[in-house]
PDB file of N, CA and C in Angstrom:
ATOM      1  N   MET A   1     103.841 128.730 112.147  1.00  0.00           N
ATOM      2  CA  MET A   1     102.688 129.054 111.348  1.00  0.00           C
ATOM      3  C   MET A   1     101.456 128.656 112.150  1.00  0.00           C
ATOM      4  N   ASP A   2     100.572 129.572 112.362  1.00  0.00           N
ATOM      5  CA  ASP A   2      99.400 129.323 113.190  1.00  0.00           C
ATOM      6  C   ASP A   2      98.178 129.073 112.306  1.00  0.00           C
ATOM      7  N   VAL A   3      98.100 127.841 111.764  1.00  0.00           N
ATOM      8  CA  VAL A   3      96.980 127.463 110.891  1.00  0.00           C
ATOM      9  C   VAL A   3      96.457 126.105 111.333  1.00  0.00           C
ATOM     10  N   LYS A   4      95.279 125.757 110.830  1.00  0.00           N
ATOM     11  CA  LYS A   4      94.697 124.450 111.150  1.00  0.00           C
ATOM     12  C   LYS A   4      95.020 123.482 110.013  1.00  0.00           C
ATOM     13  N   TRP A   5      95.941 122.571 110.263  1.00  0.00           N
ATOM     14  CA  TRP A   5      96.318 121.560 109.281  1.00  0.00           C
ATOM     15  C   TRP A   5      95.247 120.480 109.254  1.00  0.00           C
ATOM     16  N   GLU A   6      94.783 120.122 108.058  1.00  0.00           N
ATOM     17  CA  GLU A   6      93.757 119.090 107.876  1.00  0.00           C
ATOM     18  C   GLU A   6      94.414 117.803 107.389  1.00  0.00           C
ATOM     19  N   PRO A   7      94.026 116.640 107.930  1.00  0.00           N
ATOM     20  CA  PRO A   7      94.543 115.375 107.398  1.00  0.00           C
ATOM     21  C   PRO A   7      94.039 115.188 105.963  1.00  0.00           C
ATOM     22  N   LEU A   8      94.931 114.777 105.070  1.00  0.00           N
ATOM     23  CA  LEU A   8      94.580 114.591 103.663  1.00  0.00           C
ATOM     24  C   LEU A   8      94.484 113.111 103.323  1.00  0.00           C
ATOM     25  N   VAL A   9      93.508 112.768 102.498  1.00  0.00           N
ATOM     26  CA  VAL A   9      93.378 111.417 101.957  1.00  0.00           C
ATOM     27  C   VAL A   9      93.911 111.490 100.530  1.00  0.00           C
ATOM     28  N   VAL A  10      94.984 110.728 100.247  1.00  0.00           N
ATOM     29  CA  VAL A  10      95.607 110.789  98.924  1.00  0.00           C
ATOM     30  C   VAL A  10      95.650 109.409  98.283  1.00  0.00           C
ATOM     31  N   HIS A  11      95.752 109.398  96.942  1.00  0.00           N
ATOM     32  CA  HIS A  11      95.821 108.149  96.184  1.00  0.00           C
ATOM     33  C   HIS A  11      97.244 107.779  95.791  1.00  0.00           C
ATOM     34  N   ASN A  12      98.208 108.654  96.007  1.00  0.00           N
ATOM     35  CA  ASN A  12      99.589 108.375  95.633  1.00  0.00           C
ATOM     36  C   ASN A  12     100.168 107.272  96.505  1.00  0.00           C
ATOM     37  N   THR A  13     101.034 106.449  95.913  1.00  0.00           N
ATOM     38  CA  THR A  13     101.685 105.391  96.679  1.00  0.00           C
ATOM     39  C   THR A  13     102.982 105.916  97.289  1.00  0.00           C
ATOM     40  N   GLY A  14     103.393 105.316  98.374  1.00  0.00           N
ATOM     41  CA  GLY A  14     104.667 105.637  98.993  1.00  0.00           C
ATOM     42  C   GLY A  14     104.673 106.866  99.876  1.00  0.00           C
ATOM     43  N   LEU A  15     103.517 107.461 100.125  1.00  0.00           N
ATOM     44  CA  LEU A  15     103.466 108.642 100.980  1.00  0.00           C
ATOM     45  C   LEU A  15     103.011 108.264 102.375  1.00  0.00           C
ATOM     46  N   GLY A  16     103.480 109.024 103.343  1.00  0.00           N
ATOM     47  CA  GLY A  16     103.048 108.805 104.710  1.00  0.00           C
ATOM     48  C   GLY A  16     101.791 109.611 104.993  1.00  0.00           C
ATOM     49  N   ILE A  17     101.585 109.915 106.257  1.00  0.00           N
ATOM     50  CA  ILE A  17     100.426 110.713 106.670  1.00  0.00           C
ATOM     51  C   ILE A  17     100.678 112.161 106.264  1.00  0.00           C
ATOM     52  N   LEU A  18      99.724 112.735 105.534  1.00  0.00           N
ATOM     53  CA  LEU A  18      99.859 114.111 105.070  1.00  0.00           C
ATOM     54  C   LEU A  18      98.802 114.997 105.708  1.00  0.00           C
ATOM     55  N   ARG A  19      99.220 116.223 106.016  1.00  0.00           N
ATOM     56  CA  ARG A  19      98.289 117.235 106.508  1.00  0.00           C
ATOM     57  C   ARG A  19      98.545 118.507 105.713  1.00  0.00           C
ATOM     58  N   GLY A  20      97.464 119.205 105.361  1.00  0.00           N
ATOM     59  CA  GLY A  20      97.631 120.409 104.564  1.00  0.00           C
ATOM     60  C   GLY A  20      96.581 121.449 104.865  1.00  0.00           C
ATOM     61  N   TYR A  21      96.734 122.595 104.234  1.00  0.00           N
ATOM     62  CA  TYR A  21      95.716 123.643 104.311  1.00  0.00           C
ATOM     63  C   TYR A  21      95.778 124.481 103.045  1.00  0.00           C
ATOM     64  N   LEU A  22      94.663 125.138 102.735  1.00  0.00           N
ATOM     65  CA  LEU A  22      94.571 125.992 101.557  1.00  0.00           C
ATOM     66  C   LEU A  22      94.893 127.429 101.938  1.00  0.00           C
ATOM     67  N   THR A  23      95.728 128.067 101.124  1.00  0.00           N
ATOM     68  CA  THR A  23      96.064 129.469 101.354  1.00  0.00           C
ATOM     69  C   THR A  23      94.967 130.356 100.772  1.00  0.00           C
ATOM     70  N   ASP A  24      95.039 131.636 101.059  1.00  0.00           N
ATOM     71  CA  ASP A  24      94.081 132.594 100.498  1.00  0.00           C
ATOM     72  C   ASP A  24      94.176 132.647  98.975  1.00  0.00           C
ATOM     73  N   GLU A  25      95.351 132.296  98.433  1.00  0.00           N
ATOM     74  CA  GLU A  25      95.559 132.295  96.981  1.00  0.00           C
ATOM     75  C   GLU A  25      95.081 130.999  96.333  1.00  0.00           C
ATOM     76  N   GLY A  26      94.567 130.060  97.131  1.00  0.00           N
ATOM     77  CA  GLY A  26      94.074 128.793  96.592  1.00  0.00           C
ATOM     78  C   GLY A  26      95.142 127.733  96.409  1.00  0.00           C
ATOM     79  N   LYS A  27      96.313 127.951  96.987  1.00  0.00           N
ATOM     80  CA  LYS A  27      97.376 126.953  96.905  1.00  0.00           C
ATOM     81  C   LYS A  27      97.272 126.016  98.098  1.00  0.00           C
ATOM     82  N   LEU A  28      97.776 124.810  97.911  1.00  0.00           N
ATOM     83  CA  LEU A  28      97.761 123.803  98.965  1.00  0.00           C
ATOM     84  C   LEU A  28      99.146 123.721  99.578  1.00  0.00           C
ATOM     85  N   LEU A  29      99.254 124.001 100.866  1.00  0.00           N
ATOM     86  CA  LEU A  29     100.498 123.801 101.583  1.00  0.00           C
ATOM     87  C   LEU A  29     100.385 122.481 102.322  1.00  0.00           C
ATOM     88  N   VAL A  30     101.400 121.631 102.159  1.00  0.00           N
ATOM     89  CA  VAL A  30     101.407 120.320 102.794  1.00  0.00           C
ATOM     90  C   VAL A  30     102.560 120.282 103.779  1.00  0.00           C
ATOM     91  N   GLU A  31     102.227 119.930 105.002  1.00  0.00           N
ATOM     92  CA  GLU A  31     103.209 119.840 106.075  1.00  0.00           C
ATOM     93  C   GLU A  31     104.316 118.873 105.674  1.00  0.00           C
ATOM     94  N   ASN A  32     105.546 119.311 105.824  1.00  0.00           N
ATOM     95  CA  ASN A  32     106.704 118.518 105.439  1.00  0.00           C
ATOM     96  C   ASN A  32     107.309 117.879 106.685  1.00  0.00           C
ATOM     97  N   THR A  33     107.120 116.585 106.811  1.00  0.00           N
ATOM     98  CA  THR A  33     107.708 115.833 107.920  1.00  0.00           C
ATOM     99  C   THR A  33     108.490 114.668 107.330  1.00  0.00           C
ATOM    100  N   PRO A  34     109.428 114.095 108.077  1.00  0.00           N
ATOM    101  CA  PRO A  34     110.153 112.933 107.551  1.00  0.00           C
ATOM    102  C   PRO A  34     109.213 111.785 107.185  1.00  0.00           C
ATOM    103  N   GLU A  35     108.110 111.628 107.913  1.00  0.00           N
ATOM    104  CA  GLU A  35     107.162 110.545 107.649  1.00  0.00           C
ATOM    105  C   GLU A  35     106.337 110.788 106.385  1.00  0.00           C
ATOM    106  N   ALA A  36     106.217 112.031 105.946  1.00  0.00           N
ATOM    107  CA  ALA A  36     105.372 112.370 104.797  1.00  0.00           C
ATOM    108  C   ALA A  36     105.930 111.837 103.480  1.00  0.00           C
ATOM    109  N   ASN A  37     107.251 111.732 103.371  1.00  0.00           N
ATOM    110  CA  ASN A  37     107.887 111.231 102.140  1.00  0.00           C
ATOM    111  C   ASN A  37     107.577 112.093 100.928  1.00  0.00           C
ATOM    112  N   LEU A  38     107.598 113.385 101.059  1.00  0.00           N
ATOM    113  CA  LEU A  38     107.254 114.284  99.957  1.00  0.00           C
ATOM    114  C   LEU A  38     108.409 114.588  99.016  1.00  0.00           C
ATOM    115  N   VAL A  39     109.609 114.127  99.333  1.00  0.00           N
ATOM    116  CA  VAL A  39     110.785 114.468  98.536  1.00  0.00           C
ATOM    117  C   VAL A  39     110.631 114.036  97.081  1.00  0.00           C
ATOM    118  N   GLY A  40     109.845 113.004  96.803  1.00  0.00           N
ATOM    119  CA  GLY A  40     109.624 112.546  95.435  1.00  0.00           C
ATOM    120  C   GLY A  40     108.930 113.569  94.560  1.00  0.00           C
ATOM    121  N   PHE A  41     108.312 114.584  95.161  1.00  0.00           N
ATOM    122  CA  PHE A  41     107.651 115.620  94.379  1.00  0.00           C
ATOM    123  C   PHE A  41     108.622 116.708  93.945  1.00  0.00           C
ATOM    124  N   MET A  42     109.814 116.724  94.522  1.00  0.00           N
ATOM    125  CA  MET A  42     110.814 117.691  94.096  1.00  0.00           C
ATOM    126  C   MET A  42     111.370 117.257  92.747  1.00  0.00           C
ATOM    127  N   LEU A  43     111.808 118.200  91.946  1.00  0.00           N
ATOM    128  CA  LEU A  43     112.374 117.914  90.639  1.00  0.00           C
ATOM    129  C   LEU A  43     113.539 116.940  90.793  1.00  0.00           C
ATOM    130  N   GLY A  44     113.476 115.819  90.117  1.00  0.00           N
ATOM    131  CA  GLY A  44     114.527 114.814  90.196  1.00  0.00           C
ATOM    132  C   GLY A  44     114.428 113.909  91.409  1.00  0.00           C
ATOM    133  N   GLY A  45     113.349 114.016  92.174  1.00  0.00           N
ATOM    134  CA  GLY A  45     113.177 113.190  93.363  1.00  0.00           C
ATOM    135  C   GLY A  45     112.876 111.742  93.008  1.00  0.00           C
ATOM    136  N   MET A  46     113.185 110.849  93.926  1.00  0.00           N
ATOM    137  CA  MET A  46     112.932 109.419  93.718  1.00  0.00           C
ATOM    138  C   MET A  46     111.446 109.134  93.902  1.00  0.00           C
ATOM    139  N   ARG A  47     110.887 108.312  92.984  1.00  0.00           N
ATOM    140  CA  ARG A  47     109.473 107.940  93.030  1.00  0.00           C
ATOM    141  C   ARG A  47     109.358 106.431  93.040  1.00  0.00           C
ATOM    142  N   PRO A  48     108.271 105.902  93.642  1.00  0.00           N
ATOM    143  CA  PRO A  48     108.071 104.449  93.650  1.00  0.00           C
ATOM    144  C   PRO A  48     107.989 103.892  92.228  1.00  0.00           C
ATOM    145  N   MET A  49     108.450 102.654  92.075  1.00  0.00           N
ATOM    146  CA  MET A  49     108.441 101.978  90.780  1.00  0.00           C
ATOM    147  C   MET A  49     107.027 101.974  90.188  1.00  0.00           C
ATOM    148  N   GLY A  50     106.897 102.315  88.939  1.00  0.00           N
ATOM    149  CA  GLY A  50     105.612 102.303  88.256  1.00  0.00           C
ATOM    150  C   GLY A  50     104.806 103.579  88.415  1.00  0.00           C
ATOM    151  N   GLU A  51     105.167 104.417  89.353  1.00  0.00           N
ATOM    152  CA  GLU A  51     104.412 105.653  89.590  1.00  0.00           C
ATOM    153  C   GLU A  51     104.524 106.603  88.390  1.00  0.00           C
ATOM    154  N   ALA A  52     105.667 106.596  87.706  1.00  0.00           N
ATOM    155  CA  ALA A  52     105.852 107.476  86.544  1.00  0.00           C
ATOM    156  C   ALA A  52     104.906 107.109  85.413  1.00  0.00           C
ATOM    157  N   VAL A  53     104.540 105.837  85.307  1.00  0.00           N
ATOM    158  CA  VAL A  53     103.612 105.401  84.265  1.00  0.00           C
ATOM    159  C   VAL A  53     102.177 105.770  84.646  1.00  0.00           C
ATOM    160  N   LYS A  54     101.808 105.528  85.900  1.00  0.00           N
ATOM    161  CA  LYS A  54     100.445 105.811  86.365  1.00  0.00           C
ATOM    162  C   LYS A  54     100.179 107.304  86.518  1.00  0.00           C
ATOM    163  N   ASN A  55     101.214 108.059  86.849  1.00  0.00           N
ATOM    164  CA  ASN A  55     101.050 109.470  87.181  1.00  0.00           C
ATOM    165  C   ASN A  55     102.226 110.257  86.592  1.00  0.00           C
ATOM    166  N   PRO A  56     102.291 110.392  85.256  1.00  0.00           N
ATOM    167  CA  PRO A  56     103.463 111.005  84.622  1.00  0.00           C
ATOM    168  C   PRO A  56     103.707 112.462  85.021  1.00  0.00           C
ATOM    169  N   GLU A  57     102.676 113.188  85.395  1.00  0.00           N
ATOM    170  CA  GLU A  57     102.853 114.590  85.790  1.00  0.00           C
ATOM    171  C   GLU A  57     103.296 114.729  87.243  1.00  0.00           C
ATOM    172  N   ASN A  58     103.374 113.604  87.958  1.00  0.00           N
ATOM    173  CA  ASN A  58     103.769 113.598  89.365  1.00  0.00           C
ATOM    174  C   ASN A  58     102.845 114.484  90.202  1.00  0.00           C
ATOM    175  N   ALA A  59     101.550 114.359  89.964  1.00  0.00           N
ATOM    176  CA  ALA A  59     100.550 115.142  90.701  1.00  0.00           C
ATOM    177  C   ALA A  59     100.248 114.483  92.043  1.00  0.00           C
ATOM    178  N   LEU A  60      99.983 115.304  93.039  1.00  0.00           N
ATOM    179  CA  LEU A  60      99.467 114.822  94.314  1.00  0.00           C
ATOM    180  C   LEU A  60      97.964 114.680  94.114  1.00  0.00           C
ATOM    181  N   ILE A  61      97.447 113.467  94.257  1.00  0.00           N
ATOM    182  CA  ILE A  61      96.034 113.197  93.989  1.00  0.00           C
ATOM    183  C   ILE A  61      95.302 113.089  95.319  1.00  0.00           C
ATOM    184  N   VAL A  62      94.494 114.107  95.621  1.00  0.00           N
ATOM    185  CA  VAL A  62      93.806 114.209  96.910  1.00  0.00           C
ATOM    186  C   VAL A  62      92.327 113.877  96.728  1.00  0.00           C
ATOM    187  N   SER A  63      91.814 113.000  97.607  1.00  0.00           N
ATOM    188  CA  SER A  63      90.393 112.632  97.530  1.00  0.00           C
ATOM    189  C   SER A  63      89.593 113.115  98.739  1.00  0.00           C
ATOM    190  N   GLY A  64      90.218 113.774  99.660  1.00  0.00           N
ATOM    191  CA  GLY A  64      89.479 114.305 100.792  1.00  0.00           C
ATOM    192  C   GLY A  64      90.385 115.077 101.724  1.00  0.00           C
ATOM    193  N   PRO A  65      89.800 115.960 102.519  1.00  0.00           N
ATOM    194  CA  PRO A  65      88.434 116.452 102.567  1.00  0.00           C
ATOM    195  C   PRO A  65      88.032 117.159 101.263  1.00  0.00           C
ATOM    196  N   GLN A  66      86.742 117.413 101.126  1.00  0.00           N
ATOM    197  CA  GLN A  66      86.158 117.892  99.869  1.00  0.00           C
ATOM    198  C   GLN A  66      86.842 119.139  99.314  1.00  0.00           C
ATOM    199  N   SER A  67      87.188 120.088 100.154  1.00  0.00           N
ATOM    200  CA  SER A  67      87.782 121.337  99.657  1.00  0.00           C
ATOM    201  C   SER A  67      89.173 121.135  99.059  1.00  0.00           C
ATOM    202  N   PHE A  68      89.797 119.983  99.334  1.00  0.00           N
ATOM    203  CA  PHE A  68      91.137 119.696  98.829  1.00  0.00           C
ATOM    204  C   PHE A  68      91.131 118.760  97.620  1.00  0.00           C
ATOM    205  N   VAL A  69      89.978 118.217  97.258  1.00  0.00           N
ATOM    206  CA  VAL A  69      89.884 117.180  96.225  1.00  0.00           C
ATOM    207  C   VAL A  69      90.406 117.688  94.887  1.00  0.00           C
ATOM    208  N   GLY A  70      91.236 116.857  94.248  1.00  0.00           N
ATOM    209  CA  GLY A  70      91.756 117.186  92.926  1.00  0.00           C
ATOM    210  C   GLY A  70      93.198 116.764  92.777  1.00  0.00           C
ATOM    211  N   GLU A  71      93.769 117.150  91.645  1.00  0.00           N
ATOM    212  CA  GLU A  71      95.177 116.873  91.371  1.00  0.00           C
ATOM    213  C   GLU A  71      95.955 118.167  91.554  1.00  0.00           C
ATOM    214  N   TRP A  72      97.083 118.053  92.235  1.00  0.00           N
ATOM    215  CA  TRP A  72      97.899 119.207  92.589  1.00  0.00           C
ATOM    216  C   TRP A  72      99.325 118.976  92.111  1.00  0.00           C
ATOM    217  N   LEU A  73      99.940 120.008  91.543  1.00  0.00           N
ATOM    218  CA  LEU A  73     101.322 119.926  91.080  1.00  0.00           C
ATOM    219  C   LEU A  73     102.215 120.724  92.019  1.00  0.00           C
ATOM    220  N   CYS A  74     103.416 120.201  92.246  1.00  0.00           N
ATOM    221  CA  CYS A  74     104.342 120.830  93.191  1.00  0.00           C
ATOM    222  C   CYS A  74     104.967 122.085  92.585  1.00  0.00           C
ATOM    223  N   GLU A  75     104.952 123.145  93.372  1.00  0.00           N
ATOM    224  CA  GLU A  75     105.555 124.414  92.965  1.00  0.00           C
ATOM    225  C   GLU A  75     106.897 124.623  93.652  1.00  0.00           C
ATOM    226  N   GLY A  76     107.115 123.963  94.767  1.00  0.00           N
ATOM    227  CA  GLY A  76     108.353 124.140  95.522  1.00  0.00           C
ATOM    228  C   GLY A  76     108.073 124.067  97.010  1.00  0.00           C
ATOM    229  N   ARG A  77     108.947 124.705  97.772  1.00  0.00           N
ATOM    230  CA  ARG A  77     108.798 124.725  99.226  1.00  0.00           C
ATOM    231  C   ARG A  77     108.598 126.146  99.712  1.00  0.00           C
ATOM    232  N   ASP A  78     107.897 126.278 100.807  1.00  0.00           N
ATOM    233  CA  ASP A  78     107.613 127.579 101.403  1.00  0.00           C
ATOM    234  C   ASP A  78     108.638 127.848 102.501  1.00  0.00           C
ATOM    235  N   ASN A  79     109.823 128.303 102.102  1.00  0.00           N
ATOM    236  CA  ASN A  79     110.905 128.528 103.059  1.00  0.00           C
ATOM    237  C   ASN A  79     110.608 129.660 104.033  1.00  0.00           C
ATOM    238  N   GLU A  80     109.658 130.512 103.691  1.00  0.00           N
ATOM    239  CA  GLU A  80     109.279 131.622 104.558  1.00  0.00           C
ATOM    240  C   GLU A  80     108.716 131.127 105.891  1.00  0.00           C
ATOM    241  N   HIS A  81     108.083 129.941 105.876  1.00  0.00           N
ATOM    242  CA  HIS A  81     107.462 129.403 107.087  1.00  0.00           C
ATOM    243  C   HIS A  81     108.280 128.275 107.707  1.00  0.00           C
ATOM    244  N   ALA A  82     109.584 128.312 107.525  1.00  0.00           N
ATOM    245  CA  ALA A  82     110.466 127.288 108.099  1.00  0.00           C
ATOM    246  C   ALA A  82     111.420 127.953 109.090  1.00  0.00           C
ATOM    247  N   ASP A  83     111.917 127.152 109.996  1.00  0.00           N
ATOM    248  CA  ASP A  83     112.958 127.612 110.905  1.00  0.00           C
ATOM    249  C   ASP A  83     113.827 126.414 111.263  1.00  0.00           C
ATOM    250  N   ALA A  84     114.680 126.566 112.240  1.00  0.00           N
ATOM    251  CA  ALA A  84     115.601 125.490 112.596  1.00  0.00           C
ATOM    252  C   ALA A  84     114.883 124.234 113.076  1.00  0.00           C
ATOM    253  N   TYR A  85     113.636 124.361 113.515  1.00  0.00           N
ATOM    254  CA  TYR A  85     112.898 123.227 114.061  1.00  0.00           C
ATOM    255  C   TYR A  85     111.727 122.789 113.185  1.00  0.00           C
ATOM    256  N   THR A  86     111.442 123.524 112.126  1.00  0.00           N
ATOM    257  CA  THR A  86     110.284 123.243 111.276  1.00  0.00           C
ATOM    258  C   THR A  86     110.723 123.129 109.823  1.00  0.00           C
ATOM    259  N   TYR A  87     110.451 121.979 109.202  1.00  0.00           N
ATOM    260  CA  TYR A  87     110.749 121.815 107.782  1.00  0.00           C
ATOM    261  C   TYR A  87     109.828 122.723 106.970  1.00  0.00           C
ATOM    262  N   PRO A  88     110.305 123.258 105.828  1.00  0.00           N
ATOM    263  CA  PRO A  88     109.417 124.093 105.014  1.00  0.00           C
ATOM    264  C   PRO A  88     108.314 123.254 104.378  1.00  0.00           C
ATOM    265  N   PRO A  89     107.069 123.724 104.443  1.00  0.00           N
ATOM    266  CA  PRO A  89     105.988 122.971 103.805  1.00  0.00           C
ATOM    267  C   PRO A  89     106.140 122.995 102.285  1.00  0.00           C
ATOM    268  N   PHE A  90     105.558 121.996 101.635  1.00  0.00           N
ATOM    269  CA  PHE A  90     105.549 121.944 100.179  1.00  0.00           C
ATOM    270  C   PHE A  90     104.357 122.748  99.677  1.00  0.00           C
ATOM    271  N   ILE A  91     104.552 123.469  98.566  1.00  0.00           N
ATOM    272  CA  ILE A  91     103.493 124.270  97.955  1.00  0.00           C
ATOM    273  C   ILE A  91     103.013 123.544  96.701  1.00  0.00           C
ATOM    274  N   PHE A  92     101.705 123.352  96.594  1.00  0.00           N
ATOM    275  CA  PHE A  92     101.103 122.732  95.416  1.00  0.00           C
ATOM    276  C   PHE A  92     100.063 123.680  94.839  1.00  0.00           C
ATOM    277  N   TYR A  93      99.911 123.662  93.524  1.00  0.00           N
ATOM    278  CA  TYR A  93      98.853 124.429  92.868  1.00  0.00           C
ATOM    279  C   TYR A  93      97.934 123.464  92.141  1.00  0.00           C
ATOM    280  N   ARG A  94      96.675 123.844  92.023  1.00  0.00           N
ATOM    281  CA  ARG A  94      95.671 122.972  91.409  1.00  0.00           C
ATOM    282  C   ARG A  94      95.946 122.829  89.918  1.00  0.00           C
ATOM    283  N   LYS A  95      95.892 121.588  89.463  1.00  0.00           N
ATOM    284  CA  LYS A  95      96.153 121.273  88.056  1.00  0.00           C
ATOM    285  C   LYS A  95      95.014 121.738  87.189  1.00  0.00           C
TER     286      LYS A  95
END
């Protein structure tokens, strides 16, 4: 995928370094790497203790850059942009 991934500033606990970009449809694609720890956003995924109370909708809470600011809910993975060497990015939509 030939896009410019932007580093994201998030408020969620237990996540690694995240990079994402906005699609033409206004969805947020977040690069899926082992360090990102995004598996908790999948249905039934493990979440840090207490996170379910603070964030019951399991939203990705982004505080920067400005165009990404807001709460985002996971829609799934973008398998179209994956291959044997690239994990599929996670797709989020604005809450």
